[in-house]
C-alpha atoms as a PDB file:
ATOM      1  CA  MET A   1      -0.197   0.380  -0.426  1.00  0.00           C
ATOM      2  CA  TYR A   2       2.275   1.905   0.978  1.00  0.00           C
ATOM      3  CA  ARG A   3       4.600   1.653  -1.873  1.00  0.00           C
ATOM      4  CA  GLU A   4       1.543   2.103  -4.316  1.00  0.00           C
ATOM      5  CA  ASP A   5       0.560   5.771  -2.289  1.00  0.00           C
ATOM      6  CA  TYR A   6       5.048   6.924  -2.717  1.00  0.00           C
ATOM      7  CA  ALA A   7       4.478   6.239  -6.756  1.00  0.00           C
ATOM      8  CA  LEU A   8       1.018   8.306  -7.053  1.00  0.00           C
ATOM      9  CA  ARG A   9       2.396  11.132  -5.853  1.00  0.00           C
ATOM     10  CA  ARG A  10       5.871  10.385  -7.874  1.00  0.00           C
ATOM     11  CA  ILE A  11       3.280  10.510 -10.452  1.00  0.00           C
ATOM     12  CA  GLU A  12       1.781  13.536  -9.981  1.00  0.00           C
ATOM     13  CA  TYR A  13       4.731  15.109  -9.099  1.00  0.00           C
ATOM     14  CA  ASN A  14       6.629  14.915 -12.562  1.00  0.00           C
ATOM     15  CA  ASN A  15       3.274  14.795 -14.543  1.00  0.00           C
ATOM     16  CA  ILE A  16       3.811  10.678 -15.905  1.00  0.00           C
ATOM     17  CA  ASP A  17       1.383   9.564 -18.158  1.00  0.00           C
ATOM     18  CA  LEU A  18      -0.427   6.756 -15.263  1.00  0.00           C
ATOM     19  CA  ASN A  19      -1.630   4.796 -18.814  1.00  0.00           C
ATOM     20  CA  ILE A  20       2.601   5.179 -19.127  1.00  0.00           C
ATOM     21  CA  TYR A  21       2.145   3.978 -15.304  1.00  0.00           C
ATOM     22  CA  VAL A  22       0.359   1.405 -15.840  1.00  0.00           C
ATOM     23  CA  ASP A  23       1.517  -0.460 -18.535  1.00  0.00           C
ATOM     24  CA  ARG A  24       4.966  -0.646 -16.493  1.00  0.00           C
ATOM     25  CA  LYS A  25       3.194  -1.824 -14.086  1.00  0.00           C
ATOM     26  CA  HIS A  26       1.383  -5.128 -15.242  1.00  0.00           C
ATOM     27  CA  LYS A  27       4.620  -5.274 -17.532  1.00  0.00           C
ATOM     28  CA  VAL A  28       6.462  -4.981 -14.963  1.00  0.00           C
ATOM     29  CA  ASN A  29       3.559  -7.502 -12.395  1.00  0.00           C
ATOM     30  CA  ASN A  30       4.093 -10.090 -15.722  1.00  0.00           C
ATOM     31  CA  GLU A  31       7.652 -10.794 -15.212  1.00  0.00           C
ATOM     32  CA  ALA A  32       8.054 -11.302 -11.673  1.00  0.00           C
ATOM     33  CA  ALA A  33       4.879 -13.721 -12.221  1.00  0.00           C
ATOM     34  CA  ILE A  34       7.258 -15.571 -15.152  1.00  0.00           C
ATOM     35  CA  LEU A  35      10.791 -15.578 -12.976  1.00  0.00           C
ATOM     36  CA  GLN A  36       8.744 -16.738  -9.393  1.00  0.00           C
ATOM     37  CA  SER A  37       7.335 -19.387 -12.453  1.00  0.00           C
ATOM     38  CA  ILE A  38      11.478 -20.363 -13.585  1.00  0.00           C
ATOM     39  CA  ILE A  39      12.470 -20.397  -9.453  1.00  0.00           C
ATOM     40  CA  GLU A  40       9.984 -23.252  -8.729  1.00  0.00           C
ATOM     41  CA  ASP A  41      10.667 -24.677 -11.102  1.00  0.00           C
ATOM     42  CA  LYS A  42      14.230 -24.766 -10.727  1.00  0.00           C
ATOM     43  CA  LYS A  43      12.747 -25.536  -7.467  1.00  0.00           C
ATOM     44  CA  GLU A  44      11.314 -28.825  -8.050  1.00  0.00           C
ATOM     45  CA  THR A  45      14.461 -29.965 -10.892  1.00  0.00           C
ATOM     46  CA  GLN A  46      16.709 -29.841  -7.578  1.00  0.00           C
ATOM     47  CA  LYS A  47      14.240 -31.685  -5.030  1.00  0.00           C
ATOM     48  CA  GLN A  48      13.964 -34.950  -7.757  1.00  0.00           C
ATOM     49  CA  LEU A  49      18.203 -34.429  -8.826  1.00  0.00           C
ATOM     50  CA  LEU A  50      18.637 -34.659  -4.906  1.00  0.00           C
ATOM     51  CA  GLU A  51      16.372 -37.693  -4.455  1.00  0.00           C
ATOM     52  CA  LYS A  52      17.652 -39.963  -6.633  1.00  0.00           C
ATOM     53  CA  LEU A  53      20.798 -38.653  -5.469  1.00  0.00           C
ATOM     54  CA  GLY A  54      20.330 -40.235  -2.222  1.00  0.00           C
ATOM     55  CA  LYS A  55      19.754 -43.370  -4.322  1.00  0.00           C
ATOM     56  CA  LEU A  56      23.135 -44.350  -5.174  1.00  0.00           C
ATOM     57  CA  GLU A  57      25.699 -45.458  -2.936  1.00  0.00           C
ATOM     58  CA  GLY A  58      29.174 -45.703  -3.377  1.00  0.00           C
ATOM     59  CA  LEU A  59      31.055 -44.252  -6.145  1.00  0.00           C
ATOM     60  CA  GLU A  60      28.100 -44.031  -8.041  1.00  0.00           C
ATOM     61  CA  TYR A  61      27.350 -41.230  -5.518  1.00  0.00           C
ATOM     62  CA  GLN A  62      30.402 -39.435  -5.185  1.00  0.00           C
ATOM     63  CA  ILE A  63      30.736 -39.150  -9.254  1.00  0.00           C
ATOM     64  CA  ALA A  64      27.150 -37.895  -9.599  1.00  0.00           C
ATOM     65  CA  TYR A  65      27.957 -35.976  -6.446  1.00  0.00           C
ATOM     66  CA  LYS A  66      30.211 -33.847  -7.937  1.00  0.00           C
ATOM     67  CA  ARG A  67      29.260 -33.911 -11.573  1.00  0.00           C
ATOM     68  CA  PHE A  68      25.744 -32.320 -10.513  1.00  0.00           C
ATOM     69  CA  VAL A  69      26.438 -30.533  -6.958  1.00  0.00           C
END
């Protein structure tokens, strides 16, 4: 809430077109959602990799760990 108030005050003070501000805000929100999705996918991949590493033993484990971790 504070950030939105601050942004609106800047818009008024700097005479920024409100439509441009809204378009930029939507673009940033979309990019943030895409990045969040990528992060979640990478976390899931990491989880799967660690599960598979946990099933290995001895030399296989050491080789896989050094290769992927």
